[in-house]
Amino acid sequence: MADNQTIDSGKPVRMPFPGVRLLYAFAFALIAWFVIHLVFAVAVVQFVVVAVTGRLNDELKGFSFSLVQYLWELLAFVTFVRDEQPFPIGPFPRHQ
């Protein structure tokens, strides 16, 4: 049903409480908390690599890109921006 539909009495139809989604949102928010720390750790490693070698590590850069995409997917699900569930239920984003 669409949000703007009404019952015969003229009252708007209310969707049931999304309890299962709430549980998934808590779990994905916890995963996002760990991922944000991992993103910062990878950023520090990339900085050290640049300081030592003078150039970016492309593999680390691709992994960082995938992590940032994954973090976006996690936060988008938690905030109702998207309905598709991220990894581990959905696929892990890949840098192309």
C-alpha atoms as a PDB file:
ATOM      1  CA  MET A   1       0.000   0.000   0.000  1.00  0.00           C
ATOM      2  CA  ALA A   2       1.167   3.500  -0.675  1.00  0.00           C
ATOM      3  CA  ASP A   3       1.570   5.944   2.170  1.00  0.00           C
ATOM      4  CA  ASN A   4      -1.125   8.225   0.812  1.00  0.00           C
ATOM      5  CA  GLN A   5      -3.914   5.609   0.532  1.00  0.00           C
ATOM      6  CA  THR A   6      -6.909   5.793   2.818  1.00  0.00           C
ATOM      7  CA  ILE A   7      -9.376   3.329   4.254  1.00  0.00           C
ATOM      8  CA  ASP A   8     -13.101   3.713   3.510  1.00  0.00           C
ATOM      9  CA  SER A   9     -13.466   5.793   6.693  1.00  0.00           C
ATOM     10  CA  GLY A  10     -11.137   8.427   5.259  1.00  0.00           C
ATOM     11  CA  LYS A  11      -8.286   7.778   7.686  1.00  0.00           C
ATOM     12  CA  PRO A  12      -4.807   7.227   6.249  1.00  0.00           C
ATOM     13  CA  VAL A  13      -3.509   3.659   6.231  1.00  0.00           C
ATOM     14  CA  ARG A  14      -0.653   3.187   8.669  1.00  0.00           C
ATOM     15  CA  MET A  15       2.072   0.669   7.941  1.00  0.00           C
ATOM     16  CA  PRO A  16       2.834  -1.855  10.717  1.00  0.00           C
ATOM     17  CA  PHE A  17       5.823  -1.229  12.966  1.00  0.00           C
ATOM     18  CA  PRO A  18       8.973  -2.477  11.173  1.00  0.00           C
ATOM     19  CA  GLY A  19      10.361  -4.548  14.064  1.00  0.00           C
ATOM     20  CA  VAL A  20      12.526  -6.834  11.955  1.00  0.00           C
ATOM     21  CA  ARG A  21      14.018  -3.870  10.124  1.00  0.00           C
ATOM     22  CA  LEU A  22      14.774  -2.253  13.486  1.00  0.00           C
ATOM     23  CA  LEU A  23      16.774  -5.314  14.525  1.00  0.00           C
ATOM     24  CA  TYR A  24      18.664  -5.307  11.231  1.00  0.00           C
ATOM     25  CA  ALA A  25      19.270  -1.567  11.585  1.00  0.00           C
ATOM     26  CA  PHE A  26      20.838  -2.053  15.032  1.00  0.00           C
ATOM     27  CA  ALA A  27      23.048  -4.845  13.710  1.00  0.00           C
ATOM     28  CA  PHE A  28      24.105  -2.850  10.638  1.00  0.00           C
ATOM     29  CA  ALA A  29      24.750   0.250  12.778  1.00  0.00           C
ATOM     30  CA  LEU A  30      27.081  -1.812  14.950  1.00  0.00           C
ATOM     31  CA  ILE A  31      28.880  -3.103  11.850  1.00  0.00           C
ATOM     32  CA  ALA A  32      29.120   0.499  10.560  1.00  0.00           C
ATOM     33  CA  TRP A  33      30.776   1.521  13.833  1.00  0.00           C
ATOM     34  CA  PHE A  34      33.492  -1.094  13.273  1.00  0.00           C
ATOM     35  CA  VAL A  35      33.845  -0.223   9.578  1.00  0.00           C
ATOM     36  CA  ILE A  36      34.386   3.491  10.257  1.00  0.00           C
ATOM     37  CA  HIS A  37      37.265   2.582  12.553  1.00  0.00           C
ATOM     38  CA  LEU A  38      38.678   0.281   9.890  1.00  0.00           C
ATOM     39  CA  VAL A  39      38.439   3.096   7.319  1.00  0.00           C
ATOM     40  CA  PHE A  40      40.489   5.368   9.577  1.00  0.00           C
ATOM     41  CA  ALA A  41      43.052   2.613  10.180  1.00  0.00           C
ATOM     42  CA  VAL A  42      43.418   2.027   6.435  1.00  0.00           C
ATOM     43  CA  ALA A  43      43.817   5.791   5.949  1.00  0.00           C
ATOM     44  CA  VAL A  44      46.692   5.803   8.442  1.00  0.00           C
ATOM     45  CA  VAL A  45      48.332   2.853   6.676  1.00  0.00           C
ATOM     46  CA  GLN A  46      47.935   4.591   3.306  1.00  0.00           C
ATOM     47  CA  PHE A  47      49.510   7.745   4.758  1.00  0.00           C
ATOM     48  CA  VAL A  48      52.494   5.734   6.005  1.00  0.00           C
ATOM     49  CA  VAL A  49      52.844   4.076   2.585  1.00  0.00           C
ATOM     50  CA  VAL A  50      52.814   7.477   0.879  1.00  0.00           C
ATOM     51  CA  ALA A  51      55.331   8.862   3.395  1.00  0.00           C
ATOM     52  CA  VAL A  52      57.706   5.933   2.849  1.00  0.00           C
ATOM     53  CA  THR A  53      57.357   5.253  -0.888  1.00  0.00           C
ATOM     54  CA  GLY A  54      56.135   8.602  -2.204  1.00  0.00           C
ATOM     55  CA  ARG A  55      53.178   7.023  -4.047  1.00  0.00           C
ATOM     56  CA  LEU A  56      49.743   5.603  -3.309  1.00  0.00           C
ATOM     57  CA  ASN A  57      49.215   1.861  -3.021  1.00  0.00           C
ATOM     58  CA  ASP A  58      46.555   1.106  -5.666  1.00  0.00           C
ATOM     59  CA  GLU A  59      45.351  -2.085  -3.975  1.00  0.00           C
ATOM     60  CA  LEU A  60      44.893  -0.251  -0.688  1.00  0.00           C
ATOM     61  CA  LYS A  61      43.165   2.576  -2.529  1.00  0.00           C
ATOM     62  CA  GLY A  62      40.699   0.120  -4.123  1.00  0.00           C
ATOM     63  CA  PHE A  63      40.051  -1.552  -0.771  1.00  0.00           C
ATOM     64  CA  SER A  64      39.445   1.860   0.805  1.00  0.00           C
ATOM     65  CA  PHE A  65      36.973   2.711  -1.941  1.00  0.00           C
ATOM     66  CA  SER A  66      35.060  -0.536  -1.319  1.00  0.00           C
ATOM     67  CA  LEU A  67      35.011   0.118   2.433  1.00  0.00           C
ATOM     68  CA  VAL A  68      33.622   3.611   1.940  1.00  0.00           C
ATOM     69  CA  GLN A  69      30.937   2.267  -0.416  1.00  0.00           C
ATOM     70  CA  TYR A  70      30.074  -0.409   2.144  1.00  0.00           C
ATOM     71  CA  LEU A  71      29.849   2.176   4.918  1.00  0.00           C
ATOM     72  CA  TRP A  72      27.493   4.215   2.728  1.00  0.00           C
ATOM     73  CA  GLU A  73      25.316   1.134   2.130  1.00  0.00           C
ATOM     74  CA  LEU A  74      25.182   0.407   5.870  1.00  0.00           C
ATOM     75  CA  LEU A  75      24.209   3.954   6.775  1.00  0.00           C
ATOM     76  CA  ALA A  76      21.747   4.195   3.884  1.00  0.00           C
ATOM     77  CA  PHE A  77      19.925   1.103   5.136  1.00  0.00           C
ATOM     78  CA  VAL A  78      19.855   2.328   8.734  1.00  0.00           C
ATOM     79  CA  THR A  79      18.445   5.721   7.676  1.00  0.00           C
ATOM     80  CA  PHE A  80      15.839   4.262   5.250  1.00  0.00           C
ATOM     81  CA  VAL A  81      17.569   5.713   2.172  1.00  0.00           C
ATOM     82  CA  ARG A  82      17.630   2.239   0.634  1.00  0.00           C
ATOM     83  CA  ASP A  83      15.789  -0.999   1.336  1.00  0.00           C
ATOM     84  CA  GLU A  84      18.401  -3.453   0.041  1.00  0.00           C
ATOM     85  CA  GLN A  85      20.301  -5.039   2.888  1.00  0.00           C
ATOM     86  CA  PRO A  86      24.075  -4.659   2.738  1.00  0.00           C
ATOM     87  CA  PHE A  87      26.713  -7.354   3.231  1.00  0.00           C
ATOM     88  CA  PRO A  88      26.660  -9.952   4.885  1.00  0.00           C
ATOM     89  CA  ILE A  89      23.096 -10.427   3.615  1.00  0.00           C
ATOM     90  CA  GLY A  90      23.655  -8.639   0.315  1.00  0.00           C
ATOM     91  CA  PRO A  91      26.805  -8.554  -1.835  1.00  0.00           C
ATOM     92  CA  PHE A  92      29.929  -6.695  -0.731  1.00  0.00           C
ATOM     93  CA  PRO A  93      30.595  -3.649  -2.939  1.00  0.00           C
ATOM     94  CA  ARG A  94      33.520  -4.012  -5.320  1.00  0.00           C
ATOM     95  CA  HIS A  95      35.726  -1.294  -6.730  1.00  0.00           C
ATOM     96  CA  GLN A  96      35.715  -1.417 -10.521  1.00  0.00           C
END
